[in-house]
Amino acid sequence: MATGVVTGIEELNAKLRQLRGPLAKKAIRKSSREALKPLAPKVARAAPQRTGRLSRATKVRALKRSRNKIGSRVTTSKSGRGFRGKAFYGWFIEKGWKTGRRLRNVDLGAARGVRRNAAQLAAAEAHDRKRRSVPGKHYHRKTARNNRGQVLARYRTSTRQWIEELSQ
């Protein structure tokens, strides 16, 4: 759910630039995973406990393949999206939601799949304003924020070790 970016570690960035290519990516991937592993159980403990499904689904996963981003994240979804899998409701608990249901085109007197006109849009917005907002618990974000220093320290030491090992 939450993805963090590590910045401000200039000495490590300089050493990683010297490694280049797949070796640097390997060092980042391995060290970010090692740094986040102790955070996953803390996030799972902070998750609301009704069935335990949300806690069991909390894992450290690799970021989606990209040319720009390399690393890992603590999440409850298999993909980068928050509404996937059996623990889809974790996203709602984290971010919040509105009660009731949204208006459909049928409720507004329009055909299915047709764009709404200005009057229909205004009616739908008025209906949405009446829906009660349930604020998110932000358990994931709070846990990540409280443990940020520890994760960064583990990331630094792990990255240094991987850089030394791969540069030999």
Foldseek 3Di string as FASTA:
>chain_A
DDDDDDDDPVVLVVLLVVVDDPLSLVLQAVLQQVLCQVLQQVLLVLQDDDPSLQSVQWDKAWADDDPPDGYIDTDSAPHPDQQDDPVSCSVCQQAWDWDDDQDAVVNVVHDHPDDDDPVSVVVRVVVRVPTDIDGHPNSVVVSCVVCVVSSVVSSVVSSVVSSVVVVD
